[in-house]
Amino acid sequence: QEKFPGGASDYNLVWVLLVLLGFLGIHRFYQGKLISGVIYLLTLGIFGLGIIYDLFTLNDQIAEENRAVGY
């Protein structure tokens, strides 16, 4: 099993969205995480702490999502 499987979410695009628009939660909306996307939007990325968390865990989040979709 691949560590970072391909699938519905493109790793490069999600990373670009995180780096450029992470404080608005756009990367969360793209991943289908609507509730956390709204929370990021209203709190500017949970006051920056959520963005730092995502910087360290984004590849694993995408891999988990892609495995769940079954691509």
N, C-alpha and C. Protein backbone atom coordinates (compact mmCIF):
# COMPACT_ATOMS: atom_id res chain seq x y z
N GLN A 1 0.84 -1.18 0.00
CA GLN A 1 0.00 0.00 0.00
C GLN A 1 0.89 1.25 0.00
N GLU A 2 0.55 2.18 -0.87
CA GLU A 2 1.34 3.40 -0.99
C GLU A 2 1.16 4.29 0.24
N LYS A 3 2.25 4.97 0.61
CA LYS A 3 2.15 5.88 1.74
C LYS A 3 1.30 7.09 1.39
N PHE A 4 1.46 7.62 0.18
CA PHE A 4 0.68 8.78 -0.26
C PHE A 4 0.00 8.44 -1.58
N PRO A 5 -1.14 7.76 -1.51
CA PRO A 5 -1.83 7.34 -2.74
C PRO A 5 -2.49 8.51 -3.45
N GLY A 6 -2.58 8.39 -4.76
CA GLY A 6 -3.30 9.37 -5.54
C GLY A 6 -4.79 9.19 -5.33
N GLY A 7 -5.55 10.17 -5.74
CA GLY A 7 -6.99 10.06 -5.58
C GLY A 7 -7.69 11.36 -5.89
N ALA A 8 -8.80 11.57 -5.24
CA ALA A 8 -9.65 12.72 -5.52
C ALA A 8 -8.95 14.04 -5.21
N SER A 9 -8.18 14.08 -4.13
CA SER A 9 -7.49 15.32 -3.75
C SER A 9 -6.07 15.30 -4.29
N ASP A 10 -5.70 16.37 -4.96
CA ASP A 10 -4.35 16.52 -5.50
C ASP A 10 -3.46 17.15 -4.43
N TYR A 11 -2.37 16.47 -4.10
CA TYR A 11 -1.47 16.95 -3.05
C TYR A 11 -0.95 18.35 -3.35
N ASN A 12 -0.49 18.57 -4.57
CA ASN A 12 0.09 19.87 -4.92
C ASN A 12 -0.93 21.00 -4.77
N LEU A 13 -2.13 20.77 -5.25
CA LEU A 13 -3.16 21.81 -5.17
C LEU A 13 -3.53 22.11 -3.73
N VAL A 14 -3.67 21.09 -2.91
CA VAL A 14 -4.03 21.32 -1.51
C VAL A 14 -2.92 22.08 -0.80
N TRP A 15 -1.66 21.76 -1.10
CA TRP A 15 -0.54 22.49 -0.50
C TRP A 15 -0.54 23.96 -0.91
N VAL A 16 -0.79 24.22 -2.19
CA VAL A 16 -0.84 25.61 -2.66
C VAL A 16 -1.97 26.36 -1.95
N LEU A 17 -3.13 25.73 -1.84
CA LEU A 17 -4.25 26.36 -1.15
C LEU A 17 -3.92 26.64 0.32
N LEU A 18 -3.26 25.69 0.96
CA LEU A 18 -2.87 25.89 2.37
C LEU A 18 -1.92 27.06 2.51
N VAL A 19 -0.89 27.09 1.69
CA VAL A 19 0.13 28.14 1.82
C VAL A 19 -0.44 29.52 1.48
N LEU A 20 -1.25 29.60 0.44
CA LEU A 20 -1.74 30.91 0.01
C LEU A 20 -3.01 31.36 0.73
N LEU A 21 -3.91 30.43 1.01
CA LEU A 21 -5.22 30.79 1.56
C LEU A 21 -5.58 29.99 2.81
N GLY A 22 -4.58 29.48 3.51
CA GLY A 22 -4.83 28.65 4.68
C GLY A 22 -5.62 29.36 5.76
N PHE A 23 -5.39 30.64 5.93
CA PHE A 23 -6.09 31.39 6.97
C PHE A 23 -7.59 31.51 6.68
N LEU A 24 -8.00 31.27 5.42
CA LEU A 24 -9.42 31.27 5.06
C LEU A 24 -10.01 29.87 5.04
N GLY A 25 -9.18 28.85 5.20
CA GLY A 25 -9.67 27.48 5.23
C GLY A 25 -10.02 26.91 3.87
N ILE A 26 -9.55 27.53 2.79
CA ILE A 26 -9.91 27.08 1.45
C ILE A 26 -9.46 25.63 1.22
N HIS A 27 -8.30 25.26 1.73
CA HIS A 27 -7.82 23.89 1.58
C HIS A 27 -8.75 22.90 2.26
N ARG A 28 -9.37 23.30 3.35
CA ARG A 28 -10.33 22.44 4.06
C ARG A 28 -11.60 22.26 3.23
N PHE A 29 -12.08 23.34 2.65
CA PHE A 29 -13.27 23.24 1.78
C PHE A 29 -12.98 22.32 0.60
N TYR A 30 -11.80 22.45 -0.01
CA TYR A 30 -11.43 21.61 -1.15
C TYR A 30 -11.42 20.14 -0.77
N GLN A 31 -11.00 19.83 0.45
CA GLN A 31 -10.96 18.45 0.91
C GLN A 31 -12.33 17.93 1.33
N GLY A 32 -13.34 18.78 1.32
CA GLY A 32 -14.68 18.35 1.71
C GLY A 32 -14.94 18.46 3.20
N LYS A 33 -14.06 19.11 3.91
CA LYS A 33 -14.22 19.29 5.36
C LYS A 33 -14.91 20.63 5.60
N LEU A 34 -16.21 20.64 5.38
CA LEU A 34 -16.96 21.90 5.40
C LEU A 34 -17.01 22.56 6.77
N ILE A 35 -17.22 21.77 7.80
CA ILE A 35 -17.34 22.35 9.15
C ILE A 35 -16.02 22.99 9.57
N SER A 36 -14.91 22.27 9.42
CA SER A 36 -13.64 22.87 9.81
C SER A 36 -13.26 24.01 8.86
N GLY A 37 -13.71 23.94 7.61
CA GLY A 37 -13.48 25.05 6.68
C GLY A 37 -14.15 26.33 7.17
N VAL A 38 -15.37 26.21 7.62
CA VAL A 38 -16.09 27.37 8.15
C VAL A 38 -15.41 27.88 9.42
N ILE A 39 -14.98 26.96 10.28
CA ILE A 39 -14.29 27.37 11.50
C ILE A 39 -13.00 28.11 11.16
N TYR A 40 -12.23 27.60 10.21
CA TYR A 40 -11.01 28.29 9.80
C TYR A 40 -11.34 29.66 9.23
N LEU A 41 -12.39 29.74 8.44
CA LEU A 41 -12.79 31.00 7.82
C LEU A 41 -13.15 32.04 8.88
N LEU A 42 -13.87 31.64 9.90
CA LEU A 42 -14.32 32.58 10.93
C LEU A 42 -13.25 32.93 11.95
N THR A 43 -12.23 32.07 12.09
CA THR A 43 -11.21 32.30 13.13
C THR A 43 -9.82 32.53 12.55
N LEU A 44 -9.76 32.77 11.23
CA LEU A 44 -8.47 32.96 10.55
C LEU A 44 -7.53 31.80 10.83
N GLY A 45 -8.00 30.61 10.52
CA GLY A 45 -7.17 29.41 10.69
C GLY A 45 -6.98 29.05 12.14
N ILE A 46 -8.04 29.23 12.93
CA ILE A 46 -7.99 29.01 14.40
C ILE A 46 -6.78 29.75 14.97
N PHE A 47 -6.75 31.03 14.61
CA PHE A 47 -5.73 31.96 15.10
C PHE A 47 -4.31 31.52 14.74
N GLY A 48 -4.18 30.83 13.63
CA GLY A 48 -2.87 30.41 13.13
C GLY A 48 -2.43 29.04 13.62
N LEU A 49 -2.98 28.57 14.70
CA LEU A 49 -2.56 27.28 15.25
C LEU A 49 -3.02 26.13 14.36
N GLY A 50 -4.20 26.24 13.77
CA GLY A 50 -4.70 25.21 12.86
C GLY A 50 -3.85 25.11 11.61
N ILE A 51 -3.37 26.23 11.14
CA ILE A 51 -2.51 26.23 9.95
C ILE A 51 -1.19 25.53 10.26
N ILE A 52 -0.63 25.79 11.43
CA ILE A 52 0.62 25.12 11.82
C ILE A 52 0.38 23.61 11.92
N TYR A 53 -0.74 23.21 12.50
CA TYR A 53 -1.08 21.79 12.57
C TYR A 53 -1.16 21.19 11.17
N ASP A 54 -1.84 21.87 10.27
CA ASP A 54 -1.99 21.37 8.90
C ASP A 54 -0.65 21.29 8.17
N LEU A 55 0.26 22.20 8.45
CA LEU A 55 1.57 22.15 7.81
C LEU A 55 2.30 20.84 8.11
N PHE A 56 2.08 20.31 9.30
CA PHE A 56 2.76 19.07 9.70
C PHE A 56 1.98 17.81 9.34
N THR A 57 0.67 17.92 9.10
CA THR A 57 -0.14 16.71 8.92
C THR A 57 -0.86 16.64 7.58
N LEU A 58 -0.65 17.60 6.70
CA LEU A 58 -1.48 17.69 5.49
C LEU A 58 -1.34 16.46 4.60
N ASN A 59 -0.14 15.97 4.36
CA ASN A 59 0.03 14.79 3.50
C ASN A 59 -0.73 13.59 4.05
N ASP A 60 -0.68 13.39 5.36
CA ASP A 60 -1.42 12.27 5.96
C ASP A 60 -2.93 12.47 5.86
N GLN A 61 -3.38 13.71 6.01
CA GLN A 61 -4.82 13.99 5.87
C GLN A 61 -5.30 13.66 4.46
N ILE A 62 -4.53 14.07 3.46
CA ILE A 62 -4.91 13.81 2.07
C ILE A 62 -4.87 12.32 1.78
N ALA A 63 -3.83 11.64 2.25
CA ALA A 63 -3.71 10.20 2.02
C ALA A 63 -4.90 9.46 2.63
N GLU A 64 -5.28 9.82 3.84
CA GLU A 64 -6.42 9.18 4.50
C GLU A 64 -7.70 9.42 3.70
N GLU A 65 -7.89 10.64 3.23
CA GLU A 65 -9.07 10.97 2.43
C GLU A 65 -9.09 10.19 1.13
N ASN A 66 -7.94 10.12 0.45
CA ASN A 66 -7.88 9.40 -0.81
C ASN A 66 -8.11 7.90 -0.63
N ARG A 67 -7.63 7.34 0.47
CA ARG A 67 -7.89 5.91 0.74
C ARG A 67 -9.37 5.67 1.01
N ALA A 68 -10.00 6.59 1.73
CA ALA A 68 -11.41 6.45 2.07
C ALA A 68 -12.30 6.50 0.83
N VAL A 69 -11.90 7.32 -0.13
CA VAL A 69 -12.69 7.43 -1.37
C VAL A 69 -12.51 6.18 -2.21
N GLY A 70 -11.37 5.53 -2.06
CA GLY A 70 -11.14 4.26 -2.74
C GLY A 70 -10.57 4.35 -4.14
N TYR A 71 -9.79 5.37 -4.40
CA TYR A 71 -9.16 5.51 -5.72
C TYR A 71 -7.98 4.59 -5.83
